[in-house]
Amino acid sequence: MSKNMGLLGRKMGMTRIFTETGVAVPVTVIEAGPCVVLQKKTNAKEGYSAIQVGFGSRKESRLNKAEAGHCKAAGKGGFYHVKEFRVADLEAYEVGQEINITDLLSIGDLVDVRARSKGRGFQGVVRRYGFKGGRATHGSNFHRAPGSIGCSAWPSRVIKGKKMPGQMGDKFITKKNCTVIDIRPEQNVIVLKGGVPGAKQGVVQIYKNA
């Protein structure tokens, strides 16, 4: 995973825009930032250089004492989401500082977007891995089963990593090299070409490519 500086955002949904030649381009709209610096982590104390940022304002009445105490130094209230980003120049950031889209990104930049994919529950091999399955007619009793999953004589067990039914989705996925199509700083909105992982209103991590 990239250790570049990034932002936290919220996936608003997908739409399309038209180029000057009339070509429709699918895009994802993300509310990115502002993120507030809550803590600076140094090589001397923590063993690495990073900043901790908060995103999504949260009422102080909804914070426990530990959370309220941690956010007190920033003076910007509480936050629903907290994330660390590795940084090379720690002196460029101060506790309480707001980081906006324009501080990090420009139109035409390439970014990596990391988010938790939609959960699909427990699924079989046909939906989970795209298995063909058996025929549906002529008395067939083999439809959506995986078929043979191992040998009886040797190794007499199911090989580790065999594609089997199980939990589908609900895991972190990184979409790399997404192009920044548009930036609207007055709305804290960034428009990326193509789709990104996750459901609407899901939290995403945006990393700028080096």
Protein backbone atom coordinates (compact mmCIF):
# COMPACT_ATOMS: atom_id res chain seq x y z
CA MET A 1 0.00 0.00 0.00
CA SER A 2 1.18 3.50 -0.83
CA LYS A 3 2.70 5.52 2.00
CA ASN A 4 2.03 8.84 0.27
CA MET A 5 -0.01 11.57 1.91
CA GLY A 6 -3.73 11.29 1.29
CA LEU A 7 -7.23 12.38 2.24
CA LEU A 8 -10.33 10.79 3.69
CA GLY A 9 -13.55 11.21 1.78
CA ARG A 10 -17.07 9.94 1.27
CA LYS A 11 -18.34 8.36 -1.95
CA MET A 12 -21.39 10.32 -3.07
CA GLY A 13 -22.22 8.22 -6.13
CA MET A 14 -21.64 7.92 -9.87
CA THR A 15 -22.73 10.00 -12.83
CA ARG A 16 -21.34 10.92 -16.25
CA ILE A 17 -19.89 13.97 -17.92
CA PHE A 18 -19.57 14.80 -21.60
CA THR A 19 -16.35 15.85 -23.29
CA GLU A 20 -16.16 18.61 -25.91
CA THR A 21 -16.55 15.95 -28.61
CA GLY A 22 -19.72 14.57 -27.01
CA VAL A 23 -18.19 11.41 -25.52
CA ALA A 24 -19.83 10.29 -22.26
CA VAL A 25 -17.30 9.55 -19.51
CA PRO A 26 -18.43 7.67 -16.35
CA VAL A 27 -17.22 9.39 -13.18
CA THR A 28 -17.41 8.97 -9.42
CA VAL A 29 -18.16 11.97 -7.20
CA ILE A 30 -16.36 12.01 -3.85
CA GLU A 31 -16.63 14.49 -0.98
CA ALA A 32 -12.98 14.70 0.04
CA GLY A 33 -12.02 16.49 3.23
CA PRO A 34 -11.49 18.79 4.84
CA CYS A 35 -9.37 16.63 7.12
CA VAL A 36 -8.07 17.99 10.43
CA VAL A 37 -4.66 17.04 11.82
CA LEU A 38 -5.22 15.45 15.24
CA GLN A 39 -1.74 14.15 16.04
CA LYS A 40 1.84 14.15 14.73
CA LYS A 41 3.86 10.94 15.11
CA THR A 42 7.64 11.29 15.05
CA ASN A 43 10.55 8.92 14.48
CA ALA A 44 11.89 9.74 17.94
CA LYS A 45 8.72 8.74 19.82
CA GLU A 46 6.70 6.33 17.65
CA GLY A 47 9.46 5.12 15.34
CA TYR A 48 7.92 6.50 12.14
CA SER A 49 6.82 9.82 10.66
CA ALA A 50 3.08 10.28 10.17
CA ILE A 51 0.09 12.47 10.86
CA GLN A 52 -3.29 11.38 12.16
CA VAL A 53 -6.28 13.11 10.60
CA GLY A 54 -9.99 13.20 11.37
CA PHE A 55 -12.89 13.37 8.92
CA GLY A 56 -16.63 13.74 9.40
CA SER A 57 -17.67 16.13 12.18
CA ARG A 58 -19.09 14.50 15.28
CA LYS A 59 -20.88 16.14 18.20
CA GLU A 60 -18.82 16.26 21.37
CA SER A 61 -21.78 14.81 23.25
CA ARG A 62 -21.29 11.61 21.22
CA LEU A 63 -17.63 11.22 22.21
CA ASN A 64 -16.37 9.24 25.17
CA LYS A 65 -13.74 10.80 27.43
CA ALA A 66 -10.81 9.17 25.64
CA GLU A 67 -11.97 10.38 22.22
CA ALA A 68 -12.73 13.88 23.50
CA GLY A 69 -9.31 14.12 25.13
CA HIS A 70 -7.56 12.93 21.97
CA CYS A 71 -9.32 15.51 19.79
CA LYS A 72 -9.03 18.38 22.28
CA ALA A 73 -5.61 19.57 21.10
CA ALA A 74 -6.89 20.16 17.55
CA GLY A 75 -9.75 22.33 18.82
CA LYS A 76 -12.09 21.31 16.00
CA GLY A 77 -14.46 19.00 17.88
CA GLY A 78 -14.81 15.25 17.32
CA PHE A 79 -14.70 13.09 14.21
CA TYR A 80 -16.31 9.86 13.05
CA HIS A 81 -13.30 8.65 11.09
CA VAL A 82 -9.61 8.78 12.03
CA LYS A 83 -6.76 7.67 9.79
CA GLU A 84 -2.95 7.88 9.71
CA PHE A 85 -0.96 8.94 6.66
CA ARG A 86 2.81 8.61 6.37
CA VAL A 87 4.52 11.89 5.48
CA ALA A 88 8.10 12.77 4.59
CA ASP A 89 8.03 16.38 5.86
CA LEU A 90 6.39 16.39 9.28
CA GLU A 91 7.17 20.09 9.81
CA ALA A 92 4.72 21.03 7.08
CA TYR A 93 1.79 20.07 9.30
CA GLU A 94 0.52 21.35 12.64
CA VAL A 95 -2.11 19.96 15.01
CA GLY A 96 -5.46 21.56 14.20
CA GLN A 97 -4.51 22.33 10.60
CA GLU A 98 -7.15 21.68 7.93
CA ILE A 99 -6.07 19.79 4.80
CA ASN A 100 -8.22 20.45 1.74
CA ILE A 101 -8.38 18.99 -1.76
CA THR A 102 -6.44 21.83 -3.36
CA ASP A 103 -3.58 21.37 -0.87
CA LEU A 104 -2.90 17.93 -2.30
CA LEU A 105 -4.47 17.38 -5.73
CA SER A 106 -4.84 19.04 -9.10
CA ILE A 107 -6.89 18.23 -12.20
CA GLY A 108 -5.14 15.53 -14.21
CA ASP A 109 -3.41 13.89 -11.23
CA LEU A 110 -3.48 10.12 -10.74
CA VAL A 111 -4.70 8.81 -7.38
CA ASP A 112 -5.18 5.44 -5.69
CA VAL A 113 -8.55 4.96 -3.99
CA ARG A 114 -8.91 2.43 -1.16
CA ALA A 115 -12.29 1.48 0.30
CA ARG A 116 -14.25 -1.42 1.72
CA SER A 117 -16.22 -3.19 -1.01
CA LYS A 118 -19.94 -3.94 -0.80
CA GLY A 119 -20.74 -6.99 1.30
CA ARG A 120 -22.52 -9.75 -0.64
CA GLY A 121 -22.97 -12.23 2.17
CA PHE A 122 -22.34 -15.98 1.84
CA GLN A 123 -22.27 -16.87 -1.86
CA GLY A 124 -21.65 -19.97 -3.94
CA VAL A 125 -18.91 -20.50 -6.50
CA VAL A 126 -21.06 -19.46 -9.48
CA ARG A 127 -21.54 -15.91 -8.21
CA ARG A 128 -18.34 -15.66 -6.17
CA TYR A 129 -15.91 -16.87 -8.83
CA GLY A 130 -17.95 -17.10 -12.01
CA PHE A 131 -18.03 -20.91 -12.28
CA LYS A 132 -20.04 -22.15 -15.25
CA GLY A 133 -21.97 -24.82 -13.34
CA GLY A 134 -23.81 -27.75 -14.88
CA ARG A 135 -26.62 -27.93 -17.39
CA ALA A 136 -30.13 -27.09 -16.29
CA THR A 137 -32.02 -29.61 -18.46
CA HIS A 138 -32.15 -33.28 -19.55
CA GLY A 139 -32.38 -34.69 -16.04
CA SER A 140 -29.13 -33.16 -14.80
CA ASN A 141 -28.72 -33.08 -11.04
CA PHE A 142 -25.59 -30.95 -11.22
CA HIS A 143 -26.40 -27.23 -11.45
CA ARG A 144 -24.51 -24.74 -9.28
CA ALA A 145 -22.20 -27.01 -7.27
CA PRO A 146 -18.39 -26.62 -7.45
CA GLY A 147 -17.78 -30.24 -8.52
CA SER A 148 -14.71 -32.21 -7.44
CA ILE A 149 -12.62 -30.33 -4.86
CA GLY A 150 -9.82 -32.86 -4.18
CA CYS A 151 -8.43 -36.39 -4.53
CA SER A 152 -9.18 -39.39 -2.36
CA ALA A 153 -5.83 -41.24 -2.49
CA TRP A 154 -3.41 -38.31 -2.41
CA PRO A 155 -3.24 -35.79 -0.86
CA SER A 156 -6.51 -36.94 0.75
CA ARG A 157 -7.49 -33.43 1.66
CA VAL A 158 -8.72 -30.19 0.12
CA ILE A 159 -5.82 -28.06 -1.13
CA LYS A 160 -5.45 -24.74 0.68
CA GLY A 161 -6.81 -21.85 -1.38
CA LYS A 162 -9.35 -23.94 -3.28
CA LYS A 163 -12.17 -21.79 -4.67
CA MET A 164 -15.18 -22.66 -2.52
CA PRO A 165 -18.42 -21.02 -1.35
CA GLY A 166 -17.95 -18.38 1.34
CA GLN A 167 -18.15 -14.74 2.35
CA MET A 168 -18.08 -12.44 -0.69
CA GLY A 169 -17.12 -8.78 -0.59
CA ASP A 170 -16.80 -6.62 2.55
CA LYS A 171 -13.02 -6.30 2.25
CA PHE A 172 -10.63 -3.49 1.43
CA ILE A 173 -9.88 -3.01 -2.27
CA THR A 174 -7.53 -0.50 -3.88
CA LYS A 175 -8.35 0.98 -7.30
CA LYS A 176 -5.12 2.36 -8.74
CA ASN A 177 -4.41 5.20 -11.15
CA CYS A 178 -7.76 6.98 -11.13
CA THR A 179 -7.62 10.25 -13.07
CA VAL A 180 -8.84 13.45 -11.42
CA ILE A 181 -11.36 14.89 -13.91
CA ASP A 182 -12.59 17.88 -11.92
CA ILE A 183 -12.14 19.58 -8.54
CA ARG A 184 -14.75 21.80 -6.89
CA PRO A 185 -13.09 23.20 -3.75
CA GLU A 186 -16.10 25.30 -2.71
CA GLN A 187 -18.07 22.05 -2.28
CA ASN A 188 -15.12 19.87 -1.16
CA VAL A 189 -15.86 17.64 -4.15
CA ILE A 190 -13.50 15.70 -6.38
CA VAL A 191 -14.59 13.93 -9.59
CA LEU A 192 -12.67 10.79 -10.60
CA LYS A 193 -12.83 8.93 -13.89
CA GLY A 194 -14.48 5.49 -13.65
CA GLY A 195 -15.77 3.63 -10.63
CA VAL A 196 -14.23 3.15 -7.20
CA PRO A 197 -14.88 0.46 -4.56
CA GLY A 198 -17.58 0.75 -1.95
CA ALA A 199 -21.22 1.72 -1.56
CA LYS A 200 -22.73 5.19 -1.58
CA GLN A 201 -21.84 7.20 1.54
CA GLY A 202 -18.94 4.82 2.18
CA VAL A 203 -15.65 6.22 3.45
CA VAL A 204 -12.74 6.14 0.99
CA GLN A 205 -9.02 6.81 1.30
CA ILE A 206 -7.46 8.83 -1.50
CA TYR A 207 -3.69 8.60 -2.04
CA LYS A 208 -1.81 10.82 -4.47
CA ASN A 209 0.60 8.91 -6.69
CA ALA A 210 4.24 9.89 -6.32
